Amino acid sequence: QVQLVESGGGSVQAGGSLRLSCAASGRAFSSYVMGWFRQVPGKEREFVAAISGSGGMAYAADSVKGRFTISRNNLRNTVYLQMGSLKSEDTGVYYCAAYSRSWPPPRHSSEYDYWGQGTQVTVSS
């Protein structure tokens, strides 16, 4: 069992930056692939980025590639999403998720095993 708690969301102007954090509790954090998703009302949860258990491999969606960076600190049981050059279309609730099987990470939210409660990111133009 893994419990995930996101933080760091907020309101920012277009072009700005935010860093999201996701703190995990439970066993064997480093054994999980960790992902970030986002969701806006009326749409499916969208894959943003994922990182392997060791942190050695990472993958980001085309829509955020070059602007967002995922990282993790296994000593602190925390995964991060550094977001830069934010656009209004980045607005949504951001969720972190844990995937218990091996790399590569799935892009569909139904494949992930544990979820946080989400944190709101609002980008104004």
Protein backbone atom coordinates (compact mmCIF):
# COMPACT_ATOMS: atom_id res chain seq x y z
CA GLN A 1 0.00 0.00 0.00
CA VAL A 2 1.29 3.47 -0.93
CA GLN A 3 -0.21 6.78 0.13
CA LEU A 4 0.50 9.79 -2.08
CA VAL A 5 0.07 13.47 -1.21
CA GLU A 6 0.62 16.21 -3.79
CA SER A 7 1.52 19.81 -3.02
CA GLY A 8 2.81 22.90 -4.77
CA GLY A 9 -0.14 23.80 -6.97
CA GLY A 10 -1.40 27.33 -7.31
CA SER A 11 -2.10 30.17 -9.67
CA VAL A 12 0.54 31.55 -12.01
CA GLN A 13 0.68 33.74 -15.06
CA ALA A 14 1.49 32.33 -18.48
CA GLY A 15 5.22 31.94 -18.93
CA GLY A 16 5.76 31.31 -15.24
CA SER A 17 6.94 28.26 -13.32
CA LEU A 18 5.75 25.95 -10.57
CA ARG A 19 7.17 22.89 -8.89
CA LEU A 20 4.83 20.16 -7.76
CA SER A 21 5.81 17.63 -5.13
CA CYS A 22 4.34 14.25 -4.32
CA ALA A 23 5.26 12.70 -1.00
CA ALA A 24 4.84 8.96 -0.65
CA SER A 25 4.43 6.87 2.44
CA GLY A 26 4.47 3.12 2.60
CA ARG A 27 6.90 0.51 1.57
CA ALA A 28 9.47 0.29 -1.22
CA PHE A 29 8.94 3.67 -2.89
CA SER A 30 11.92 3.08 -5.17
CA SER A 31 10.27 -0.01 -6.62
CA TYR A 32 7.48 2.04 -8.17
CA VAL A 33 7.42 3.85 -11.47
CA MET A 34 5.94 7.24 -10.65
CA GLY A 35 3.79 9.28 -12.98
CA TRP A 36 2.09 12.64 -13.19
CA PHE A 37 -1.30 13.10 -14.83
CA ARG A 38 -3.60 16.08 -15.19
CA GLN A 39 -7.32 16.48 -15.67
CA VAL A 40 -9.76 19.21 -16.58
CA PRO A 41 -13.54 18.94 -16.13
CA GLY A 42 -15.21 16.84 -18.77
CA LYS A 43 -12.01 15.26 -20.04
CA GLU A 44 -10.11 12.09 -19.30
CA ARG A 45 -7.07 12.13 -17.09
CA GLU A 46 -4.08 12.92 -19.32
CA PHE A 47 -0.60 11.48 -18.99
CA VAL A 48 2.08 14.11 -18.36
CA ALA A 49 5.33 12.37 -17.40
CA ALA A 50 6.76 9.31 -15.68
CA ILE A 51 10.03 8.27 -14.10
CA SER A 52 11.52 4.87 -13.35
CA GLY A 53 12.08 3.59 -9.84
CA SER A 54 15.79 4.43 -9.86
CA GLY A 55 15.21 7.77 -11.56
CA GLY A 56 17.43 6.74 -14.45
CA MET A 57 14.71 6.85 -17.08
CA ALA A 58 12.04 9.44 -17.66
CA TYR A 59 9.40 10.08 -20.28
CA ALA A 60 7.20 13.09 -20.94
CA ALA A 61 4.21 13.72 -23.16
CA ASP A 62 4.87 15.71 -26.32
CA SER A 63 2.66 18.52 -25.03
CA VAL A 64 5.05 19.23 -22.15
CA LYS A 65 8.39 17.99 -23.47
CA GLY A 66 11.06 20.63 -23.07
CA ARG A 67 8.96 22.57 -20.55
CA PHE A 68 8.31 20.07 -17.73
CA THR A 69 10.86 17.88 -15.94
CA ILE A 70 10.06 14.95 -13.68
CA SER A 71 12.52 13.88 -11.00
CA ARG A 72 12.53 11.91 -7.77
CA ASN A 73 14.42 11.64 -4.50
CA ASN A 74 14.13 8.12 -3.16
CA LEU A 75 15.71 9.05 0.16
CA ARG A 76 12.86 11.50 0.71
CA ASN A 77 10.19 9.31 -0.91
CA THR A 78 9.22 12.24 -3.12
CA VAL A 79 8.64 12.78 -6.82
CA TYR A 80 8.67 16.24 -8.39
CA LEU A 81 7.31 17.91 -11.47
CA GLN A 82 9.13 21.09 -12.43
CA MET A 83 6.90 23.06 -14.78
CA GLY A 84 8.18 25.98 -16.84
CA SER A 85 6.95 28.19 -19.67
CA LEU A 86 3.44 27.50 -18.46
CA LYS A 87 0.52 27.98 -20.81
CA SER A 88 -3.18 28.40 -20.14
CA GLU A 89 -3.77 24.90 -21.51
CA ASP A 90 -1.64 23.50 -18.67
CA THR A 91 -4.45 24.42 -16.27
CA GLY A 92 -5.96 21.45 -14.46
CA VAL A 93 -5.79 19.22 -11.43
CA TYR A 94 -2.45 17.43 -11.30
CA TYR A 95 -2.23 13.96 -9.82
CA CYS A 96 0.71 11.76 -9.02
CA ALA A 97 0.38 8.02 -9.38
CA ALA A 98 2.37 4.88 -8.65
CA TYR A 99 2.76 1.96 -11.04
CA SER A 100 3.97 -1.30 -9.56
CA ARG A 101 5.15 -3.06 -12.71
CA SER A 102 8.25 -2.52 -14.80
CA TRP A 103 9.26 0.18 -17.27
CA PRO A 104 8.04 1.42 -19.71
CA PRO A 105 5.20 3.27 -18.02
CA PRO A 106 1.65 3.03 -19.36
CA ARG A 107 0.02 6.23 -20.53
CA HIS A 108 -3.48 5.26 -19.49
CA SER A 109 -4.51 6.16 -15.98
CA SER A 110 -6.34 2.88 -15.38
CA GLU A 111 -3.02 1.02 -15.34
CA TYR A 112 -1.73 2.82 -12.25
CA ASP A 113 -2.15 1.33 -8.81
CA TYR A 114 -2.19 4.27 -6.37
CA TRP A 115 -3.21 7.90 -6.66
CA GLY A 116 -2.92 11.11 -4.73
CA GLN A 117 -5.79 13.50 -4.15
CA GLY A 118 -4.59 16.05 -6.70
CA THR A 119 -3.44 19.65 -6.63
CA GLN A 120 -4.91 22.49 -8.70
CA VAL A 121 -2.76 24.40 -11.17
CA THR A 122 -4.25 27.48 -12.78
CA VAL A 123 -2.39 29.38 -15.50
CA SER A 124 -3.79 32.73 -16.51
CA SER A 125 -2.97 34.41 -19.79
